[in-house]
Amino acid sequence: MRKLLEQCPACGGRLIVTGVCCESCSTEVRGRFAPGKLSSLTEEQLTFVQIFLRARGNLSEVEKVLGISYPTIRNKLDEIIKVLNRDPVDIPIEPNVDPERRTILEQVASGAVAPAEALERLRNLKGA
């Protein structure tokens, strides 16, 4: 699967995710979603993170696996930390969203409500 694009190929503007689809049941969810922090890493950086995690953070082990020096590993790690520490992009929820709907979406975003429960509550709003 391809990595999520971060910039518009036409103008270079920031892209946002506007829909997701379940591979199992084909349920589709539409909205405005911020991509996860790891999506801002390059393929090379993601590979490094995977190796780092498999080595349980042992830099000597990472050095053996990659065949690169300890200072190079530290530089790569510092580069990744810098990317991950950037301020998160704040994508507001559409202003014309029904207040009850907005509350449910915000609860899902904060982790207070499970997605399945939120989906049921949203379906009940439609029927009301």
N, C-alpha and C. Protein backbone atom coordinates (compact mmCIF):
# COMPACT_ATOMS: atom_id res chain seq x y z
N MET A 1 0.84 -1.16 0.00
CA MET A 1 0.00 0.00 0.00
C MET A 1 0.90 1.24 0.00
N ARG A 2 0.51 2.24 -0.73
CA ARG A 2 1.30 3.46 -0.82
C ARG A 2 1.16 4.30 0.43
N LYS A 3 2.18 5.12 0.67
CA LYS A 3 2.19 6.06 1.79
C LYS A 3 1.24 7.20 1.48
N LEU A 4 0.58 7.70 2.50
CA LEU A 4 -0.34 8.81 2.36
C LEU A 4 0.41 10.05 1.89
N LEU A 5 -0.11 10.72 0.85
CA LEU A 5 0.50 11.95 0.38
C LEU A 5 0.28 13.06 1.40
N GLU A 6 1.28 13.92 1.56
CA GLU A 6 1.16 15.02 2.51
C GLU A 6 0.96 16.35 1.82
N GLN A 7 1.41 16.46 0.56
CA GLN A 7 1.29 17.71 -0.17
C GLN A 7 0.59 17.48 -1.49
N CYS A 8 -0.16 18.49 -1.93
CA CYS A 8 -0.85 18.43 -3.20
C CYS A 8 0.17 18.35 -4.33
N PRO A 9 0.04 17.38 -5.23
CA PRO A 9 0.99 17.28 -6.33
C PRO A 9 0.88 18.44 -7.32
N ALA A 10 -0.24 19.15 -7.30
CA ALA A 10 -0.43 20.26 -8.24
C ALA A 10 0.12 21.58 -7.70
N CYS A 11 -0.20 21.89 -6.41
CA CYS A 11 0.20 23.21 -5.90
C CYS A 11 1.12 23.16 -4.69
N GLY A 12 1.32 21.98 -4.12
CA GLY A 12 2.18 21.85 -2.95
C GLY A 12 1.48 22.14 -1.63
N GLY A 13 0.16 22.42 -1.68
CA GLY A 13 -0.59 22.70 -0.46
C GLY A 13 -0.74 21.48 0.42
N ARG A 14 -1.12 21.71 1.67
CA ARG A 14 -1.31 20.63 2.64
C ARG A 14 -2.55 19.83 2.28
N LEU A 15 -2.47 18.53 2.34
CA LEU A 15 -3.61 17.66 2.09
C LEU A 15 -4.19 17.18 3.41
N ILE A 16 -5.49 16.94 3.42
CA ILE A 16 -6.16 16.34 4.57
C ILE A 16 -6.87 15.08 4.10
N VAL A 17 -7.08 14.17 5.00
CA VAL A 17 -7.81 12.94 4.69
C VAL A 17 -9.29 13.25 4.84
N THR A 18 -10.09 12.90 3.82
CA THR A 18 -11.52 13.19 3.88
C THR A 18 -12.38 11.94 3.90
N GLY A 19 -11.77 10.77 3.86
CA GLY A 19 -12.56 9.55 3.91
C GLY A 19 -11.71 8.33 4.19
N VAL A 20 -12.32 7.36 4.85
CA VAL A 20 -11.69 6.07 5.10
C VAL A 20 -12.70 4.97 4.84
N CYS A 21 -12.20 3.78 4.53
CA CYS A 21 -13.08 2.66 4.20
C CYS A 21 -12.56 1.40 4.88
N CYS A 22 -13.46 0.62 5.48
CA CYS A 22 -13.11 -0.63 6.13
C CYS A 22 -12.86 -1.71 5.08
N GLU A 23 -11.72 -2.39 5.17
CA GLU A 23 -11.41 -3.47 4.23
C GLU A 23 -12.35 -4.66 4.40
N SER A 24 -12.83 -4.89 5.63
CA SER A 24 -13.66 -6.05 5.91
C SER A 24 -15.10 -5.89 5.45
N CYS A 25 -15.74 -4.78 5.86
CA CYS A 25 -17.17 -4.64 5.60
C CYS A 25 -17.52 -3.51 4.64
N SER A 26 -16.52 -2.79 4.16
CA SER A 26 -16.69 -1.68 3.22
C SER A 26 -17.43 -0.47 3.78
N THR A 27 -17.54 -0.39 5.12
CA THR A 27 -18.12 0.81 5.73
C THR A 27 -17.23 1.99 5.39
N GLU A 28 -17.85 3.08 4.96
CA GLU A 28 -17.09 4.29 4.62
C GLU A 28 -17.42 5.40 5.61
N VAL A 29 -16.40 6.14 6.01
CA VAL A 29 -16.57 7.26 6.91
C VAL A 29 -15.99 8.49 6.22
N ARG A 30 -16.77 9.55 6.15
CA ARG A 30 -16.35 10.79 5.50
C ARG A 30 -16.22 11.89 6.54
N GLY A 31 -15.29 12.77 6.35
CA GLY A 31 -15.07 13.89 7.26
C GLY A 31 -13.74 14.55 6.95
N ARG A 32 -13.18 15.23 7.92
CA ARG A 32 -11.87 15.85 7.79
C ARG A 32 -11.01 15.30 8.91
N PHE A 33 -9.97 14.55 8.56
CA PHE A 33 -9.15 13.87 9.54
C PHE A 33 -7.69 14.27 9.37
N ALA A 34 -7.01 14.44 10.50
CA ALA A 34 -5.57 14.71 10.46
C ALA A 34 -4.85 13.37 10.34
N PRO A 35 -3.84 13.28 9.49
CA PRO A 35 -3.07 12.03 9.41
C PRO A 35 -2.27 11.84 10.70
N GLY A 36 -1.90 10.61 11.01
CA GLY A 36 -1.11 10.32 12.21
C GLY A 36 0.29 10.89 12.09
N LYS A 37 0.94 11.08 13.21
CA LYS A 37 2.29 11.67 13.22
C LYS A 37 3.28 10.85 12.40
N LEU A 38 3.16 9.53 12.44
CA LEU A 38 4.13 8.70 11.72
C LEU A 38 4.02 8.86 10.21
N SER A 39 2.89 9.34 9.73
CA SER A 39 2.75 9.51 8.28
C SER A 39 3.64 10.63 7.75
N SER A 40 4.18 11.46 8.64
CA SER A 40 5.07 12.53 8.20
C SER A 40 6.51 12.06 8.02
N LEU A 41 6.77 10.79 8.38
CA LEU A 41 8.11 10.24 8.21
C LEU A 41 8.30 9.71 6.79
N THR A 42 9.54 9.76 6.32
CA THR A 42 9.86 9.19 5.01
C THR A 42 9.89 7.66 5.14
N GLU A 43 9.92 6.97 4.02
CA GLU A 43 10.00 5.50 4.05
C GLU A 43 11.27 5.06 4.77
N GLU A 44 12.37 5.75 4.52
CA GLU A 44 13.64 5.41 5.18
C GLU A 44 13.52 5.59 6.70
N GLN A 45 12.89 6.68 7.13
CA GLN A 45 12.71 6.92 8.55
C GLN A 45 11.79 5.87 9.18
N LEU A 46 10.73 5.48 8.48
CA LEU A 46 9.82 4.45 9.00
C LEU A 46 10.55 3.12 9.15
N THR A 47 11.39 2.79 8.19
CA THR A 47 12.17 1.55 8.26
C THR A 47 13.09 1.60 9.47
N PHE A 48 13.73 2.75 9.69
CA PHE A 48 14.60 2.91 10.85
C PHE A 48 13.81 2.71 12.14
N VAL A 49 12.62 3.29 12.24
CA VAL A 49 11.78 3.16 13.43
C VAL A 49 11.44 1.70 13.67
N GLN A 50 11.10 0.97 12.61
CA GLN A 50 10.78 -0.46 12.76
C GLN A 50 11.98 -1.24 13.30
N ILE A 51 13.14 -0.97 12.74
CA ILE A 51 14.36 -1.66 13.21
C ILE A 51 14.66 -1.28 14.65
N PHE A 52 14.53 0.00 14.96
CA PHE A 52 14.76 0.51 16.32
C PHE A 52 13.84 -0.18 17.32
N LEU A 53 12.56 -0.33 16.96
CA LEU A 53 11.60 -0.97 17.85
C LEU A 53 11.88 -2.46 18.00
N ARG A 54 12.22 -3.12 16.88
CA ARG A 54 12.56 -4.56 16.97
C ARG A 54 13.76 -4.78 17.88
N ALA A 55 14.68 -3.80 17.87
CA ALA A 55 15.88 -3.89 18.72
C ALA A 55 15.59 -3.39 20.13
N ARG A 56 14.33 -3.04 20.39
CA ARG A 56 13.89 -2.54 21.70
C ARG A 56 14.70 -1.33 22.16
N GLY A 57 15.08 -0.49 21.19
CA GLY A 57 15.80 0.74 21.49
C GLY A 57 17.28 0.57 21.76
N ASN A 58 17.79 -0.65 21.59
CA ASN A 58 19.21 -0.90 21.80
C ASN A 58 19.98 -0.40 20.58
N LEU A 59 20.67 0.74 20.74
CA LEU A 59 21.35 1.35 19.60
C LEU A 59 22.51 0.50 19.09
N SER A 60 23.14 -0.27 19.96
CA SER A 60 24.21 -1.17 19.51
C SER A 60 23.65 -2.23 18.56
N GLU A 61 22.45 -2.73 18.87
CA GLU A 61 21.80 -3.72 18.01
C GLU A 61 21.41 -3.09 16.67
N VAL A 62 20.89 -1.87 16.72
CA VAL A 62 20.53 -1.15 15.48
C VAL A 62 21.79 -0.96 14.64
N GLU A 63 22.90 -0.64 15.28
CA GLU A 63 24.18 -0.45 14.60
C GLU A 63 24.58 -1.73 13.84
N LYS A 64 24.39 -2.89 14.49
CA LYS A 64 24.73 -4.17 13.85
C LYS A 64 23.81 -4.45 12.66
N VAL A 65 22.51 -4.23 12.84
CA VAL A 65 21.54 -4.53 11.79
C VAL A 65 21.76 -3.65 10.56
N LEU A 66 21.97 -2.36 10.78
CA LEU A 66 22.08 -1.43 9.66
C LEU A 66 23.51 -1.29 9.13
N GLY A 67 24.48 -1.68 9.94
CA GLY A 67 25.87 -1.56 9.50
C GLY A 67 26.32 -0.11 9.40
N ILE A 68 25.80 0.73 10.26
CA ILE A 68 26.20 2.14 10.27
C ILE A 68 26.69 2.50 11.66
N SER A 69 27.44 3.60 11.75
CA SER A 69 28.06 3.98 13.01
C SER A 69 27.05 4.50 14.03
N TYR A 70 27.47 4.45 15.28
CA TYR A 70 26.63 4.93 16.39
C TYR A 70 26.25 6.40 16.19
N PRO A 71 27.20 7.30 15.83
CA PRO A 71 26.83 8.71 15.61
C PRO A 71 25.79 8.88 14.49
N THR A 72 25.88 8.08 13.45
CA THR A 72 24.91 8.15 12.35
C THR A 72 23.53 7.73 12.85
N ILE A 73 23.49 6.70 13.67
CA ILE A 73 22.23 6.24 14.24
C ILE A 73 21.63 7.33 15.12
N ARG A 74 22.44 7.95 15.95
CA ARG A 74 21.96 9.05 16.81
C ARG A 74 21.41 10.19 15.96
N ASN A 75 22.10 10.53 14.87
CA ASN A 75 21.64 11.61 13.98
C ASN A 75 20.29 11.26 13.36
N LYS A 76 20.14 10.01 12.91
CA LYS A 76 18.86 9.57 12.32
C LYS A 76 17.75 9.64 13.36
N LEU A 77 18.05 9.19 14.56
CA LEU A 77 17.06 9.20 15.64
C LEU A 77 16.67 10.65 15.99
N ASP A 78 17.66 11.53 16.07
CA ASP A 78 17.38 12.95 16.36
C ASP A 78 16.52 13.58 15.26
N GLU A 79 16.78 13.21 14.01
CA GLU A 79 16.01 13.72 12.87
C GLU A 79 14.54 13.28 12.98
N ILE A 80 14.33 12.02 13.33
CA ILE A 80 12.98 11.48 13.47
C ILE A 80 12.26 12.15 14.63
N ILE A 81 12.96 12.32 15.73
CA ILE A 81 12.36 12.99 16.90
C ILE A 81 11.95 14.41 16.53
N LYS A 82 12.77 15.09 15.77
CA LYS A 82 12.46 16.47 15.35
C LYS A 82 11.19 16.50 14.51
N VAL A 83 11.05 15.55 13.58
CA VAL A 83 9.85 15.48 12.74
C VAL A 83 8.62 15.20 13.59
N LEU A 84 8.72 14.27 14.52
CA LEU A 84 7.58 13.87 15.35
C LEU A 84 7.19 14.93 16.38
N ASN A 85 8.12 15.81 16.73
CA ASN A 85 7.83 16.86 17.71
C ASN A 85 7.25 18.13 17.10
N ARG A 86 7.09 18.16 15.79
CA ARG A 86 6.47 19.33 15.17
C ARG A 86 5.08 19.51 15.73
N ASP A 87 4.62 20.76 15.76
CA ASP A 87 3.27 21.04 16.25
C ASP A 87 2.26 20.30 15.40
N PRO A 88 1.28 19.64 16.03
CA PRO A 88 0.26 18.93 15.25
C PRO A 88 -0.58 19.92 14.45
N VAL A 89 -1.01 19.46 13.28
CA VAL A 89 -1.87 20.29 12.45
C VAL A 89 -3.28 20.20 13.01
N ASP A 90 -3.87 21.34 13.28
CA ASP A 90 -5.21 21.38 13.86
C ASP A 90 -6.21 21.51 12.73
N ILE A 91 -6.97 20.47 12.48
CA ILE A 91 -7.98 20.48 11.42
C ILE A 91 -9.34 20.61 12.09
N PRO A 92 -9.98 21.75 11.94
CA PRO A 92 -11.27 21.93 12.61
C PRO A 92 -12.36 21.06 11.99
N ILE A 93 -13.31 20.66 12.83
CA ILE A 93 -14.48 19.95 12.34
C ILE A 93 -15.33 20.95 11.58
N GLU A 94 -15.96 20.50 10.51
CA GLU A 94 -16.79 21.39 9.69
C GLU A 94 -17.70 22.25 10.56
N PRO A 95 -17.76 23.57 10.31
CA PRO A 95 -18.57 24.44 11.16
C PRO A 95 -20.07 24.20 11.05
N ASN A 96 -20.54 23.63 9.95
CA ASN A 96 -21.98 23.43 9.78
C ASN A 96 -22.47 22.08 10.31
N VAL A 97 -21.63 21.37 11.06
CA VAL A 97 -22.02 20.08 11.63
C VAL A 97 -22.97 20.31 12.80
N ASP A 98 -24.05 19.50 12.84
CA ASP A 98 -25.03 19.55 13.92
C ASP A 98 -24.30 19.46 15.27
N PRO A 99 -24.68 20.27 16.27
CA PRO A 99 -23.97 20.26 17.56
C PRO A 99 -23.90 18.88 18.23
N GLU A 100 -25.00 18.10 18.15
CA GLU A 100 -24.97 16.75 18.75
C GLU A 100 -23.96 15.87 18.02
N ARG A 101 -23.96 15.99 16.71
CA ARG A 101 -23.04 15.22 15.87
C ARG A 101 -21.59 15.62 16.18
N ARG A 102 -21.37 16.93 16.31
CA ARG A 102 -20.03 17.45 16.63
C ARG A 102 -19.55 16.88 17.96
N THR A 103 -20.44 16.84 18.96
CA THR A 103 -20.08 16.32 20.28
C THR A 103 -19.63 14.87 20.19
N ILE A 104 -20.38 14.07 19.44
CA ILE A 104 -20.03 12.65 19.26
C ILE A 104 -18.68 12.52 18.58
N LEU A 105 -18.45 13.30 17.53
CA LEU A 105 -17.18 13.25 16.80
C LEU A 105 -16.01 13.67 17.70
N GLU A 106 -16.22 14.70 18.50
CA GLU A 106 -15.17 15.14 19.41
C GLU A 106 -14.88 14.09 20.48
N GLN A 107 -15.92 13.37 20.93
CA GLN A 107 -15.72 12.31 21.92
C GLN A 107 -14.90 11.17 21.33
N VAL A 108 -15.14 10.85 20.06
CA VAL A 108 -14.34 9.81 19.40
C VAL A 108 -12.90 10.28 19.26
N ALA A 109 -12.71 11.53 18.84
CA ALA A 109 -11.37 12.07 18.65
C ALA A 109 -10.57 12.08 19.95
N SER A 110 -11.24 12.32 21.07
CA SER A 110 -10.55 12.35 22.37
C SER A 110 -10.38 10.96 22.97
N GLY A 111 -11.06 9.96 22.40
CA GLY A 111 -10.97 8.60 22.92
C GLY A 111 -11.99 8.29 24.00
N ALA A 112 -12.90 9.23 24.27
CA ALA A 112 -13.90 9.03 25.31
C ALA A 112 -14.99 8.05 24.88
N VAL A 113 -15.21 7.93 23.57
CA VAL A 113 -16.25 7.05 23.03
C VAL A 113 -15.62 6.15 21.97
N ALA A 114 -15.95 4.88 22.00
CA ALA A 114 -15.45 3.93 21.00
C ALA A 114 -16.11 4.21 19.65
N PRO A 115 -15.38 4.02 18.55
CA PRO A 115 -15.95 4.27 17.23
C PRO A 115 -17.25 3.52 16.97
N ALA A 116 -17.36 2.27 17.42
CA ALA A 116 -18.59 1.50 17.18
C ALA A 116 -19.78 2.13 17.89
N GLU A 117 -19.56 2.58 19.14
CA GLU A 117 -20.63 3.22 19.88
C GLU A 117 -21.01 4.55 19.22
N ALA A 118 -20.01 5.29 18.77
CA ALA A 118 -20.27 6.57 18.10
C ALA A 118 -21.07 6.36 16.83
N LEU A 119 -20.74 5.33 16.07
CA LEU A 119 -21.46 5.03 14.84
C LEU A 119 -22.93 4.75 15.14
N GLU A 120 -23.19 3.99 16.17
CA GLU A 120 -24.57 3.69 16.56
C GLU A 120 -25.31 4.97 16.96
N ARG A 121 -24.64 5.81 17.74
CA ARG A 121 -25.25 7.08 18.16
C ARG A 121 -25.52 7.99 16.95
N LEU A 122 -24.59 8.01 16.00
CA LEU A 122 -24.79 8.83 14.79
C LEU A 122 -25.95 8.30 13.96
N ARG A 123 -26.06 6.98 13.87
CA ARG A 123 -27.19 6.38 13.13
C ARG A 123 -28.52 6.75 13.79
N ASN A 124 -28.55 6.75 15.11
CA ASN A 124 -29.77 7.13 15.83
C ASN A 124 -30.12 8.59 15.59
N LEU A 125 -29.12 9.45 15.42
CA LEU A 125 -29.39 10.86 15.12
C LEU A 125 -30.07 11.01 13.77
N LYS A 126 -29.60 10.22 12.79
CA LYS A 126 -30.18 10.27 11.45
C LYS A 126 -31.65 9.90 11.47
N GLY A 127 -31.96 8.86 12.28
CA GLY A 127 -33.34 8.37 12.33
C GLY A 127 -34.27 9.27 13.12
N ALA A 128 -33.72 10.13 13.93
CA ALA A 128 -34.56 10.99 14.79
C ALA A 128 -35.20 12.11 14.03
